[in-house]
C-alpha atoms as a PDB file:
ATOM      1  CA  MET A   1      -4.885  38.482  51.826  1.00  0.00           C
ATOM      2  CA  ASP A   2      -3.557  37.657  55.247  1.00  0.00           C
ATOM      3  CA  THR A   3      -4.117  34.620  57.414  1.00  0.00           C
ATOM      4  CA  LYS A   4      -4.638  35.179  61.100  1.00  0.00           C
ATOM      5  CA  SER A   5      -2.635  33.282  63.662  1.00  0.00           C
ATOM      6  CA  ASP A   6      -5.701  31.748  65.330  1.00  0.00           C
ATOM      7  CA  GLN A   7      -5.206  28.400  63.623  1.00  0.00           C
ATOM      8  CA  ILE A   8      -7.292  25.582  65.013  1.00  0.00           C
ATOM      9  CA  GLN A   9      -6.404  21.944  64.557  1.00  0.00           C
ATOM     10  CA  HIS A  10      -8.626  18.894  65.083  1.00  0.00           C
ATOM     11  CA  SER A  11      -7.681  15.299  64.351  1.00  0.00           C
ATOM     12  CA  THR A  12      -9.014  11.788  64.482  1.00  0.00           C
ATOM     13  CA  ASN A  13      -7.250   8.589  63.618  1.00  0.00           C
ATOM     14  CA  ASP A  14      -8.366   9.042  60.015  1.00  0.00           C
ATOM     15  CA  MET A  15      -8.397  12.751  59.388  1.00  0.00           C
ATOM     16  CA  LYS A  16      -6.747  16.018  60.403  1.00  0.00           C
ATOM     17  CA  LEU A  17      -8.448  19.424  60.041  1.00  0.00           C
ATOM     18  CA  THR A  18      -6.747  22.769  60.179  1.00  0.00           C
ATOM     19  CA  ILE A  19      -8.974  25.821  60.280  1.00  0.00           C
ATOM     20  CA  GLU A  20      -7.461  29.240  59.663  1.00  0.00           C
ATOM     21  CA  HIS A  21      -9.327  32.549  59.654  1.00  0.00           C
ATOM     22  CA  ILE A  22      -8.276  34.806  56.866  1.00  0.00           C
ATOM     23  CA  SER A  23      -8.392  38.604  56.719  1.00  0.00           C
ATOM     24  CA  SER A  24      -9.946  39.661  53.451  1.00  0.00           C
ATOM     25  CA  ALA A  25      -9.121  43.369  53.774  1.00  0.00           C
ATOM     26  CA  GLY A  26     -12.301  44.166  51.821  1.00  0.00           C
ATOM     27  CA  THR A  27     -11.521  41.857  48.876  1.00  0.00           C
ATOM     28  CA  LEU A  28     -14.017  39.172  49.944  1.00  0.00           C
ATOM     29  CA  PRO A  29     -17.728  39.748  50.686  1.00  0.00           C
ATOM     30  CA  GLY A  30     -17.296  38.683  54.323  1.00  0.00           C
ATOM     31  CA  PRO A  31     -15.320  36.724  56.893  1.00  0.00           C
ATOM     32  CA  ALA A  32     -13.670  33.560  55.558  1.00  0.00           C
ATOM     33  CA  VAL A  33     -11.881  30.476  56.728  1.00  0.00           C
ATOM     34  CA  ILE A  34      -9.513  28.041  55.044  1.00  0.00           C
ATOM     35  CA  ILE A  35     -10.284  24.488  56.096  1.00  0.00           C
ATOM     36  CA  GLN A  36      -7.519  22.127  55.158  1.00  0.00           C
ATOM     37  CA  ILE A  37      -8.387  18.469  55.308  1.00  0.00           C
ATOM     38  CA  GLN A  38      -5.824  15.658  55.333  1.00  0.00           C
ATOM     39  CA  GLY A  39      -6.464  11.937  55.415  1.00  0.00           C
ATOM     40  CA  VAL A  40      -9.693  10.010  54.983  1.00  0.00           C
ATOM     41  CA  ILE A  41     -13.188  11.399  55.243  1.00  0.00           C
ATOM     42  CA  ASN A  42     -15.388   8.519  56.332  1.00  0.00           C
ATOM     43  CA  ILE A  43     -18.235   7.713  58.708  1.00  0.00           C
ATOM     44  CA  PHE A  44     -15.860   8.117  61.691  1.00  0.00           C
ATOM     45  CA  SER A  45     -14.343  11.442  60.714  1.00  0.00           C
ATOM     46  CA  ALA A  46     -17.279  13.101  58.913  1.00  0.00           C
ATOM     47  CA  LYS A  47     -18.915  14.193  62.179  1.00  0.00           C
ATOM     48  CA  GLN A  48     -15.839  16.250  63.038  1.00  0.00           C
ATOM     49  CA  LEU A  49     -15.935  17.815  59.575  1.00  0.00           C
ATOM     50  CA  LYS A  50     -19.676  18.585  59.889  1.00  0.00           C
ATOM     51  CA  ASP A  51     -19.034  20.108  63.363  1.00  0.00           C
ATOM     52  CA  ALA A  52     -16.286  22.369  61.935  1.00  0.00           C
ATOM     53  CA  PHE A  53     -18.571  23.600  59.168  1.00  0.00           C
ATOM     54  CA  ASN A  54     -21.428  24.267  61.617  1.00  0.00           C
ATOM     55  CA  GLU A  55     -19.162  26.033  64.101  1.00  0.00           C
ATOM     56  CA  SER A  56     -17.868  28.364  61.433  1.00  0.00           C
ATOM     57  CA  ILE A  57     -21.406  29.144  60.227  1.00  0.00           C
ATOM     58  CA  GLU A  58     -22.624  29.683  63.825  1.00  0.00           C
ATOM     59  CA  ASN A  59     -19.757  32.124  64.308  1.00  0.00           C
ATOM     60  CA  GLU A  60     -20.977  34.042  61.246  1.00  0.00           C
ATOM     61  CA  VAL A  61     -18.140  32.979  59.006  1.00  0.00           C
ATOM     62  CA  TYR A  62     -19.998  32.320  55.762  1.00  0.00           C
ATOM     63  CA  ILE A  63     -17.139  31.791  53.330  1.00  0.00           C
ATOM     64  CA  LEU A  64     -15.583  28.321  53.597  1.00  0.00           C
ATOM     65  CA  LEU A  65     -12.538  27.641  51.407  1.00  0.00           C
ATOM     66  CA  ILE A  66     -11.974  23.938  51.551  1.00  0.00           C
ATOM     67  CA  ASP A  67      -8.510  22.624  50.649  1.00  0.00           C
ATOM     68  CA  LEU A  68      -8.877  18.977  49.578  1.00  0.00           C
ATOM     69  CA  SER A  69      -5.314  18.459  48.408  1.00  0.00           C
ATOM     70  CA  GLY A  70      -4.583  16.109  51.315  1.00  0.00           C
ATOM     71  CA  VAL A  71      -7.697  13.977  51.106  1.00  0.00           C
ATOM     72  CA  LYS A  72      -6.929  10.381  50.246  1.00  0.00           C
ATOM     73  CA  SER A  73     -10.530   9.198  50.017  1.00  0.00           C
ATOM     74  CA  MET A  74     -14.079  10.187  50.925  1.00  0.00           C
ATOM     75  CA  ASP A  75     -17.195   8.158  51.397  1.00  0.00           C
ATOM     76  CA  SER A  76     -20.900   9.099  51.308  1.00  0.00           C
ATOM     77  CA  SER A  77     -20.838  10.468  54.884  1.00  0.00           C
ATOM     78  CA  GLY A  78     -18.193  12.973  53.786  1.00  0.00           C
ATOM     79  CA  ILE A  79     -20.296  13.942  50.790  1.00  0.00           C
ATOM     80  CA  ALA A  80     -23.253  14.446  53.134  1.00  0.00           C
ATOM     81  CA  SER A  81     -21.180  16.828  55.262  1.00  0.00           C
ATOM     82  CA  PHE A  82     -20.426  19.012  52.262  1.00  0.00           C
ATOM     83  CA  ILE A  83     -24.011  18.958  51.052  1.00  0.00           C
ATOM     84  CA  GLY A  84     -25.242  19.946  54.513  1.00  0.00           C
ATOM     85  CA  ALA A  85     -22.872  22.939  54.676  1.00  0.00           C
ATOM     86  CA  HIS A  86     -23.804  23.957  51.165  1.00  0.00           C
ATOM     87  CA  ALA A  87     -27.520  23.765  52.036  1.00  0.00           C
ATOM     88  CA  ARG A  88     -27.058  26.009  55.095  1.00  0.00           C
ATOM     89  CA  LEU A  89     -24.886  28.533  53.255  1.00  0.00           C
ATOM     90  CA  SER A  90     -27.150  28.706  50.231  1.00  0.00           C
ATOM     91  CA  LYS A  91     -29.743  30.544  52.378  1.00  0.00           C
ATOM     92  CA  ILE A  92     -27.263  33.284  53.410  1.00  0.00           C
ATOM     93  CA  PRO A  93     -26.465  36.249  51.132  1.00  0.00           C
ATOM     94  CA  ASN A  94     -22.787  36.416  50.015  1.00  0.00           C
ATOM     95  CA  ALA A  95     -22.055  33.040  51.528  1.00  0.00           C
ATOM     96  CA  ALA A  96     -19.987  30.437  49.673  1.00  0.00           C
ATOM     97  CA  ILE A  97     -18.307  27.113  49.951  1.00  0.00           C
ATOM     98  CA  ILE A  98     -15.530  26.547  47.477  1.00  0.00           C
ATOM     99  CA  LEU A  99     -13.666  23.272  47.179  1.00  0.00           C
ATOM    100  CA  HIS A 100     -10.139  23.708  45.886  1.00  0.00           C
ATOM    101  CA  SER A 101      -7.068  21.634  45.121  1.00  0.00           C
ATOM    102  CA  LEU A 102      -9.133  18.506  44.489  1.00  0.00           C
ATOM    103  CA  THR A 103      -7.192  15.298  44.065  1.00  0.00           C
ATOM    104  CA  PRO A 104      -7.981  13.320  40.930  1.00  0.00           C
ATOM    105  CA  GLU A 105      -9.837  10.729  43.022  1.00  0.00           C
ATOM    106  CA  ILE A 106     -12.077  13.337  44.703  1.00  0.00           C
ATOM    107  CA  GLU A 107     -12.735  15.142  41.426  1.00  0.00           C
ATOM    108  CA  LYS A 108     -13.733  11.894  39.737  1.00  0.00           C
ATOM    109  CA  MET A 109     -16.031  10.966  42.637  1.00  0.00           C
ATOM    110  CA  LEU A 110     -17.758  14.371  42.405  1.00  0.00           C
ATOM    111  CA  GLU A 111     -18.209  13.921  38.676  1.00  0.00           C
ATOM    112  CA  LEU A 112     -19.592  10.392  39.004  1.00  0.00           C
ATOM    113  CA  THR A 113     -22.076  11.463  41.639  1.00  0.00           C
ATOM    114  CA  ARG A 114     -22.985  14.542  39.568  1.00  0.00           C
ATOM    115  CA  LEU A 115     -22.184  16.765  42.508  1.00  0.00           C
ATOM    116  CA  LYS A 116     -19.424  18.746  40.836  1.00  0.00           C
ATOM    117  CA  SER A 117     -22.051  21.082  39.364  1.00  0.00           C
ATOM    118  CA  LEU A 118     -23.461  21.709  42.881  1.00  0.00           C
ATOM    119  CA  PHE A 119     -20.197  22.976  44.338  1.00  0.00           C
ATOM    120  CA  LYS A 120     -17.964  25.783  43.227  1.00  0.00           C
ATOM    121  CA  THR A 121     -14.538  24.275  42.577  1.00  0.00           C
ATOM    122  CA  ALA A 122     -11.163  25.859  41.957  1.00  0.00           C
ATOM    123  CA  SER A 123      -7.795  24.470  40.981  1.00  0.00           C
ATOM    124  CA  ASN A 124      -6.009  26.175  43.870  1.00  0.00           C
ATOM    125  CA  PHE A 125      -6.426  28.674  46.735  1.00  0.00           C
ATOM    126  CA  SER A 126      -5.600  31.740  44.587  1.00  0.00           C
ATOM    127  CA  GLU A 127      -8.322  30.813  42.084  1.00  0.00           C
ATOM    128  CA  SER A 128     -10.860  30.317  44.864  1.00  0.00           C
ATOM    129  CA  ILE A 129     -10.090  33.850  46.163  1.00  0.00           C
ATOM    130  CA  ARG A 130     -10.431  35.292  42.643  1.00  0.00           C
ATOM    131  CA  MET A 131     -13.875  33.638  42.313  1.00  0.00           C
ATOM    132  CA  LEU A 132     -15.073  35.587  45.402  1.00  0.00           C
ATOM    133  CA  SER A 133     -13.288  38.931  44.984  1.00  0.00           C
ATOM    134  CA  VAL A 134     -15.539  41.922  45.082  1.00  0.00           C
END
């Protein structure tokens, strides 16, 4: 699994996004990106997150591997961004959104809101790749 050098970074005062296309070399069912999020996902930064998800999907990248290890907190607008991406991807064959490297705070929030069962989650990047390997 190789990452391409076309790394894209976006940032706001609250959040930084890094989007990296990965070459699956036939091990994944389609094109994929790693979206690494750092900081706070709130009403001010969630639009940027939603735009990143939509841009990937519009560019026919249907596998989103979301690294949440750097997320300090997330509010309902952040949750809505993830639900929106999940809803769009659920209509596309072989598409997936996998949240990995969840912080204890984010994992607890997903459990309390009963959303953990909606999303595929993995303990780390390698596990998320194994979940998708064909």
